[in-house]
Protein backbone atom coordinates (compact mmCIF):
# COMPACT_ATOMS: atom_id res chain seq x y z
CA VAL A 1 0.00 0.00 0.00
CA ARG A 2 1.40 3.36 -0.99
CA ARG A 3 0.15 6.83 -0.39
CA PRO A 4 1.72 10.09 -1.51
CA ALA A 5 3.31 12.35 1.06
CA ALA A 6 2.50 16.00 1.57
CA SER A 7 3.38 18.62 -1.03
CA ASP A 8 7.03 19.28 -1.73
CA GLY A 9 6.80 22.96 -0.95
CA PRO A 10 9.40 25.32 -2.43
CA ARG A 11 12.46 23.66 -3.89
CA VAL A 12 15.71 24.75 -2.26
CA VAL A 13 19.07 24.51 -4.03
CA LEU A 14 21.60 23.59 -1.37
CA GLU A 15 25.05 25.16 -1.27
CA GLY A 16 27.50 22.69 -2.73
CA SER A 17 24.77 20.50 -4.19
CA LEU A 18 25.70 21.05 -7.85
CA LEU A 19 28.29 18.27 -7.69
CA ALA A 20 25.76 16.03 -5.97
CA ARG A 21 23.46 16.38 -8.99
CA VAL A 22 26.06 14.82 -11.26
CA ASN A 23 25.68 11.06 -11.62
CA THR A 24 28.53 8.87 -10.42
CA THR A 25 29.19 5.16 -10.61
CA ASP A 26 27.88 4.75 -7.06
CA LYS A 27 24.49 4.87 -5.41
CA MET A 28 23.86 5.07 -1.69
CA VAL A 29 21.19 4.16 0.86
CA VAL A 30 20.89 6.00 4.18
CA ILE A 31 18.62 5.01 7.06
CA GLY A 32 17.77 6.85 10.28
CA ALA A 33 15.81 5.66 13.30
CA SER A 34 15.37 6.06 17.04
CA THR A 35 12.85 4.46 19.42
CA GLY A 36 11.88 1.06 18.03
CA GLY A 37 14.50 1.41 15.33
CA THR A 38 16.74 -1.54 16.11
CA GLU A 39 14.10 -4.05 15.05
CA ALA A 40 12.88 -1.86 12.19
CA ILE A 41 16.39 -1.53 10.78
CA LYS A 42 16.91 -5.26 11.19
CA GLU A 43 13.73 -6.00 9.21
CA VAL A 44 14.74 -3.67 6.38
CA LEU A 45 18.35 -4.84 6.12
CA GLU A 46 17.43 -8.52 6.30
CA ALA A 47 15.26 -8.06 3.21
CA LEU A 48 17.90 -6.24 1.13
CA PRO A 49 20.10 -8.20 -1.30
CA ALA A 50 23.82 -8.65 -0.74
CA GLU A 51 24.65 -6.36 -3.66
CA THR A 52 22.74 -3.38 -2.22
CA PRO A 53 24.76 -0.16 -2.68
CA GLY A 54 26.80 1.23 0.19
CA THR A 55 24.50 1.93 3.14
CA MET A 56 24.90 4.24 6.13
CA ILE A 57 22.76 3.95 9.25
CA VAL A 58 22.12 6.21 12.23
CA GLN A 59 20.33 4.62 15.16
CA HIS A 60 20.09 6.69 18.33
CA MET A 61 22.09 4.51 20.70
CA PRO A 62 24.83 5.02 23.31
CA GLU A 63 28.50 4.19 22.93
CA LYS A 64 29.45 0.50 22.96
CA PHE A 65 25.91 -0.57 22.10
CA THR A 66 26.32 0.47 18.45
CA ARG A 67 29.16 -1.98 17.87
CA ALA A 68 27.14 -4.85 19.33
CA PHE A 69 24.17 -3.77 17.18
CA ALA A 70 26.31 -3.77 14.03
CA GLU A 71 27.79 -7.18 14.90
CA ARG A 72 24.32 -8.61 15.43
CA LEU A 73 23.12 -7.28 12.08
CA ASN A 74 26.21 -8.70 10.40
CA THR A 75 25.26 -12.22 11.52
CA ILE A 76 21.77 -12.08 10.04
CA CYS A 77 21.97 -9.81 6.97
CA ARG A 78 23.27 -10.60 3.50
CA MET A 79 25.25 -7.36 3.47
CA GLU A 80 28.39 -6.92 5.54
CA VAL A 81 27.52 -4.66 8.49
CA ARG A 82 30.16 -2.85 10.57
CA GLU A 83 30.36 -0.02 13.06
CA ALA A 84 31.85 2.92 11.14
CA GLN A 85 35.40 3.92 12.02
CA GLY A 86 35.73 6.69 9.43
CA GLY A 87 37.60 6.53 6.13
CA GLU A 88 35.67 3.53 4.75
CA ILE A 89 34.99 3.64 1.01
CA LEU A 90 31.30 2.94 0.46
CA HIS A 91 30.73 0.10 -1.95
CA PRO A 92 27.96 -2.39 -2.78
CA GLY A 93 27.44 -4.94 -0.04
CA LEU A 94 28.72 -2.75 2.84
CA ALA A 95 26.54 -1.16 5.54
CA LEU A 96 28.01 1.15 8.20
CA VAL A 97 26.39 1.92 11.55
CA ALA A 98 27.18 5.27 13.19
CA PRO A 99 29.18 4.80 16.40
CA GLY A 100 27.57 6.01 19.62
CA ASN A 101 28.47 9.56 20.65
CA LYS A 102 29.89 10.41 17.19
CA HIS A 103 28.34 11.90 14.08
CA LEU A 104 28.51 9.93 10.82
CA LEU A 105 28.75 11.79 7.51
CA VAL A 106 29.70 11.09 3.92
CA ARG A 107 32.22 13.01 1.83
CA ARG A 108 32.92 12.86 -1.88
CA ASP A 109 36.27 11.64 -3.20
CA GLY A 110 35.99 11.89 -6.97
CA ALA A 111 33.35 9.35 -7.98
CA ARG A 112 33.59 7.57 -4.63
CA TYR A 113 31.92 8.18 -1.29
CA VAL A 114 33.91 7.94 1.92
CA SER A 115 32.64 7.82 5.50
CA LEU A 116 33.56 10.48 8.03
CA VAL A 117 33.18 10.04 11.79
CA LYS A 118 33.58 13.15 13.91
CA ASP A 119 32.71 14.93 17.12
CA GLY A 120 30.41 17.91 17.21
CA PRO A 121 27.51 19.29 19.19
CA PRO A 122 24.40 17.14 19.50
CA VAL A 123 21.62 17.88 17.02
CA HIS A 124 18.09 17.45 18.36
CA HIS A 125 19.88 16.33 21.54
CA GLN A 126 21.36 13.42 19.59
CA ARG A 127 24.87 12.34 18.69
CA PRO A 128 24.87 10.56 16.27
CA SER A 129 22.21 12.63 14.54
CA VAL A 130 20.20 11.52 11.54
CA ASP A 131 20.02 15.12 10.30
CA VAL A 132 23.82 15.39 10.24
CA LEU A 133 24.10 12.28 8.04
CA PHE A 134 21.18 13.15 5.78
CA ASN A 135 22.37 16.73 5.23
CA SER A 136 25.82 15.48 4.19
CA VAL A 137 24.18 13.05 1.76
CA ALA A 138 22.02 15.85 0.31
CA LYS A 139 25.16 17.89 -0.29
CA HIS A 140 27.51 15.21 -1.62
CA VAL A 141 25.32 12.44 -3.08
CA GLY A 142 22.04 14.06 -4.12
CA VAL A 143 20.28 12.26 -6.96
CA SER A 144 22.18 9.02 -6.40
CA ALA A 145 20.77 8.44 -2.90
CA VAL A 146 17.77 6.81 -1.27
CA GLY A 147 16.90 8.13 2.21
CA VAL A 148 14.73 6.26 4.71
CA LEU A 149 13.38 7.61 8.00
CA LEU A 150 12.00 5.00 10.39
CA THR A 151 10.25 4.97 13.76
CA GLY A 152 11.51 7.33 16.45
CA MET A 153 10.71 10.04 18.96
CA GLY A 154 11.27 13.70 18.14
CA ALA A 155 12.14 15.35 14.83
CA ASP A 156 15.71 14.27 14.07
CA GLY A 157 16.09 13.36 10.41
CA ALA A 158 13.02 15.14 9.06
CA ALA A 159 14.81 18.30 7.92
CA GLY A 160 17.69 16.23 6.55
CA LEU A 161 15.28 14.02 4.61
CA LEU A 162 13.70 17.16 3.15
CA ALA A 163 17.15 18.42 2.12
CA MET A 164 17.77 15.07 0.41
CA ARG A 165 14.48 15.24 -1.46
CA GLN A 166 15.18 18.78 -2.57
CA ALA A 167 18.60 17.61 -3.83
CA GLY A 168 16.91 15.01 -6.03
CA ALA A 169 17.18 11.92 -3.81
CA ARG A 170 14.36 9.41 -3.41
CA THR A 171 12.93 9.57 0.11
CA VAL A 172 10.82 7.17 2.17
CA ALA A 173 9.22 7.40 5.62
CA GLN A 174 7.63 4.68 7.74
CA ASP A 175 3.87 4.95 8.29
CA GLU A 176 2.13 5.53 11.60
CA ALA A 177 0.51 2.10 11.87
CA THR A 178 3.84 0.24 11.92
CA SER A 179 5.93 2.78 13.87
CA VAL A 180 6.64 2.13 17.54
CA VAL A 181 6.78 5.91 17.98
CA TYR A 182 5.44 8.05 15.14
CA GLY A 183 7.53 11.13 15.83
CA MET A 184 10.36 11.44 13.33
CA PRO A 185 8.37 10.02 10.39
CA ARG A 186 5.38 12.20 11.30
CA GLU A 187 7.53 15.33 11.16
CA ALA A 188 8.96 14.21 7.82
CA ALA A 189 5.45 13.72 6.45
CA ARG A 190 4.33 17.10 7.80
CA MET A 191 7.25 18.84 6.09
CA GLY A 192 6.76 17.10 2.76
CA ALA A 193 10.15 15.40 3.14
CA ALA A 194 8.96 11.89 2.22
CA GLY A 195 8.34 11.09 -1.40
CA ILE A 196 6.47 8.00 -0.27
CA ILE A 197 5.12 6.73 3.07
CA LEU A 198 4.96 2.97 3.59
CA PRO A 199 4.45 0.30 6.22
CA LEU A 200 7.68 -1.23 7.49
CA ASP A 201 7.28 -4.45 5.51
CA GLY A 202 7.17 -2.52 2.22
CA ILE A 203 10.26 -0.37 2.71
CA ALA A 204 12.99 -2.78 1.58
CA ALA A 205 11.14 -3.45 -1.69
CA GLU A 206 10.76 0.29 -2.22
CA ILE A 207 14.49 0.83 -1.66
CA THR A 208 15.25 -1.81 -4.29
CA ARG A 209 12.69 -0.36 -6.72
CA SER A 210 14.07 3.16 -6.26
CA LEU A 211 17.63 1.99 -6.87
CA GLN A 212 16.59 0.15 -10.01
CA ALA A 213 14.83 3.26 -11.26
CA MET A 214 18.01 5.32 -11.08
CA SER A 215 19.81 5.83 -14.36
CA VAL A 216 23.23 5.07 -12.91
CA PRO A 217 24.29 1.41 -12.84
CA CYS A 218 25.83 0.10 -9.65
CA THR A 219 28.54 -2.15 -11.06
CA ARG A 220 31.83 -1.04 -9.49
CA ALA A 221 33.47 -3.86 -7.60
CA ALA A 222 34.42 -3.45 -3.98
CA PRO A 223 38.00 -2.25 -3.47
């Protein structure tokens, strides 16, 4: 079941987003979640194929717990899942989880995307923050990205998802009926940040469909 999100509103051209509108050999998936998100992320990742493009994940979670979360996902998902250390080259089949108490971003290195882990003030009282990741993806990846905002309390990720949509990315938010806490996805829907709103069990298929619809093939082998 699909239903359209709210109106886009005015389109904003982000500073530095011109490069992000140029197709590269890589695509990217980014996922943000908070309360209820560990199981929601697990359900989405389990359903994605091993060759899914490089994926970055922010789950609001304290230090030490994020590594255990990534290790658990790695045992049950077809993709390789690791806690991000910073400096990883994103490639198909790799998913990175933001470490607790650090922000996770992406930077552009020619036609490649590289992870960046750094300190910085909390955003929406959160570190890692979904908005920090999504805003970096809007700036550096743009049309080659798919952004997903899952269950969670508060508003973190909504503005970043809007920035991604305005940069040409495909954007998805979880619906109210399947969210443990309909806070972050609700704010995304209210802002017109989500191109589509779906129940949790439809999100992985939508990610795959969106990636297939992109004009850029994802064929570069892992380094």
